[in-house]
Amino acid sequence: MFADDDMPKPKKLHEIGCDLTFLSAGDLEERISLLKEEISRLEADKVAKTSSKKAAESFFR
């Protein structure tokens, strides 16, 4: 079997707080789009988890 250390690590597309000096306007726009998609994904998961919690709370009342 292969060790996890042998597997290539995925490249980070953006790191919060990183230096933006050498990024072009196009690069910045691409990162903004990626971050907006991630925010949407996080918000959808939050809604799903909140709904589940509310359903469980109402069931056990």
Protein backbone atom coordinates (compact mmCIF):
# COMPACT_ATOMS: atom_id res chain seq x y z
CA MET A 1 0.00 0.00 0.00
CA PHE A 2 0.96 3.65 -0.40
CA ALA A 3 1.73 5.92 2.49
CA ASP A 4 -0.13 9.23 2.71
CA ASP A 5 3.22 11.01 2.52
CA ASP A 6 3.71 9.73 -1.03
CA MET A 7 0.50 11.33 -2.29
CA PRO A 8 0.76 14.80 -3.83
CA LYS A 9 -0.78 17.48 -1.66
CA PRO A 10 -3.50 19.57 -3.28
CA LYS A 11 -2.45 23.09 -4.17
CA LYS A 12 -4.14 25.78 -2.08
CA LEU A 13 -6.07 28.10 -4.32
CA HIS A 14 -6.18 30.86 -1.77
CA GLU A 15 -4.98 31.34 1.76
CA ILE A 16 -6.77 33.89 3.93
CA GLY A 17 -4.48 36.84 4.64
CA CYS A 18 -1.91 35.99 1.96
CA ASP A 19 0.07 38.68 0.13
CA LEU A 20 -1.90 39.91 -2.89
CA THR A 21 0.85 42.16 -4.29
CA PHE A 22 1.82 40.02 -7.27
CA LEU A 23 -1.66 38.91 -8.32
CA SER A 24 -3.23 40.36 -11.45
CA ALA A 25 -6.76 41.72 -11.57
CA GLY A 26 -7.77 38.50 -13.35
CA ASP A 27 -6.21 36.37 -10.61
CA LEU A 28 -8.03 38.39 -7.98
CA GLU A 29 -11.35 38.00 -9.81
CA GLU A 30 -10.80 34.23 -10.03
CA ARG A 31 -10.11 34.03 -6.30
CA ILE A 32 -13.15 36.17 -5.51
CA SER A 33 -15.33 33.80 -7.54
CA LEU A 34 -13.89 30.76 -5.78
CA LEU A 35 -14.41 32.34 -2.37
CA LYS A 36 -18.02 33.30 -3.23
CA GLU A 37 -18.71 29.68 -4.24
CA GLU A 38 -17.21 28.50 -0.95
CA ILE A 39 -19.31 30.98 1.03
CA SER A 40 -22.45 29.69 -0.70
CA ARG A 41 -21.46 26.11 0.11
CA LEU A 42 -20.85 26.99 3.76
CA GLU A 43 -24.15 28.87 4.05
CA ALA A 44 -26.08 25.95 2.54
CA ASP A 45 -24.50 23.53 5.00
CA LYS A 46 -25.28 25.89 7.88
CA VAL A 47 -28.95 26.06 6.82
CA ALA A 48 -29.14 22.27 6.59
CA LYS A 49 -27.60 21.82 10.03
CA THR A 50 -29.79 24.51 11.59
CA SER A 51 -32.91 22.88 10.10
CA SER A 52 -31.88 19.50 11.47
CA LYS A 53 -31.27 20.96 14.91
CA LYS A 54 -34.65 22.74 14.94
CA ALA A 55 -36.41 19.53 13.87
CA ALA A 56 -34.70 17.57 16.65
CA GLU A 57 -35.52 20.23 19.23
CA SER A 58 -39.19 20.29 18.28
CA PHE A 59 -39.35 16.47 18.36
CA PHE A 60 -37.98 16.26 21.90
CA ARG A 61 -40.19 19.01 23.40
